[in-house]
């Protein structure tokens, strides 16, 4: 999955669920970590970070971004 795909997914989640999207992602991280599904938990942690960036206005999900 490309960086752009990740941001589009986070943007879609934020647009559809608003502030609750971060709650969903946070619960997914905790549940998956408890189940030992660490790679899946890492994905949702990344979604949580991206959702935070979007909701705080640090990034515009419609613009092209790069992660270094």
Protein backbone atom coordinates (compact mmCIF):
# COMPACT_ATOMS: atom_id res chain seq x y z
CA UNK A 1 0.00 0.00 0.00
CA UNK A 2 1.44 3.35 -0.98
CA UNK A 3 1.62 6.43 1.25
CA UNK A 4 -1.05 8.06 -0.88
CA UNK A 5 -3.31 5.04 -0.45
CA UNK A 6 -2.86 5.18 3.32
CA UNK A 7 -3.77 8.86 3.45
CA UNK A 8 -6.77 8.33 1.18
CA UNK A 9 -8.00 5.56 3.45
CA UNK A 10 -7.49 7.71 6.56
CA UNK A 11 -9.19 10.63 4.83
CA UNK A 12 -12.16 8.47 3.86
CA UNK A 13 -12.46 7.16 7.42
CA UNK A 14 -12.31 10.69 8.81
CA UNK A 15 -14.88 11.97 6.32
CA UNK A 16 -17.28 9.12 6.99
CA UNK A 17 -16.91 8.77 10.77
CA UNK A 18 -15.56 12.13 11.94
CA UNK A 19 -13.86 12.13 15.35
CA UNK A 20 -15.11 8.59 16.01
CA UNK A 21 -12.68 7.28 13.37
CA UNK A 22 -9.77 7.79 15.77
CA UNK A 23 -11.70 5.96 18.49
CA UNK A 24 -12.26 3.02 16.13
CA UNK A 25 -8.58 2.94 15.19
CA UNK A 26 -7.48 3.17 18.82
CA UNK A 27 -9.73 0.29 19.84
CA UNK A 28 -8.45 -1.77 16.91
CA UNK A 29 -4.85 -1.21 18.07
CA UNK A 30 -5.61 -2.30 21.61
CA UNK A 31 -7.65 -5.33 20.57
CA UNK A 32 -5.16 -6.54 17.97
CA UNK A 33 -2.19 -6.08 20.32
CA UNK A 34 -4.03 -8.07 23.00
CA UNK A 35 -4.66 -10.83 20.46
CA UNK A 36 -1.00 -10.86 19.42
CA UNK A 37 -1.72 -9.59 15.90
CA UNK A 38 1.13 -7.06 16.03
CA UNK A 39 1.42 -6.32 12.30
CA UNK A 40 -2.30 -5.61 12.03
CA UNK A 41 -2.09 -3.46 15.17
CA UNK A 42 0.78 -1.48 13.58
CA UNK A 43 -1.40 -0.76 10.55
CA UNK A 44 -4.18 0.63 12.75
CA UNK A 45 -1.67 2.61 14.80
CA UNK A 46 -0.51 4.23 11.57
CA UNK A 47 -4.15 4.99 10.71
CA UNK A 48 -4.53 6.55 14.16
CA UNK A 49 -1.51 8.81 13.57
CA UNK A 50 -2.76 9.83 10.13
CA UNK A 51 -6.25 10.50 11.47
CA UNK A 52 -4.70 12.72 14.13
CA UNK A 53 -2.77 14.65 11.47
CA UNK A 54 -5.92 15.12 9.43
CA UNK A 55 -8.17 16.16 12.33
CA UNK A 56 -5.61 18.65 13.67
CA UNK A 57 -5.13 20.24 10.26
CA UNK A 58 -1.41 19.40 10.12
CA UNK A 59 -1.93 17.85 6.70
CA UNK A 60 -4.41 18.24 3.89
CA UNK A 61 -5.51 14.74 2.86
CA UNK A 62 -6.29 16.00 -0.65
CA UNK A 63 -2.69 17.04 -1.27
CA UNK A 64 0.20 14.78 -2.22
CA UNK A 65 2.41 13.86 0.71
CA UNK A 66 5.58 11.92 1.25
CA UNK A 67 6.87 10.21 4.35
CA UNK A 68 10.62 10.16 4.92
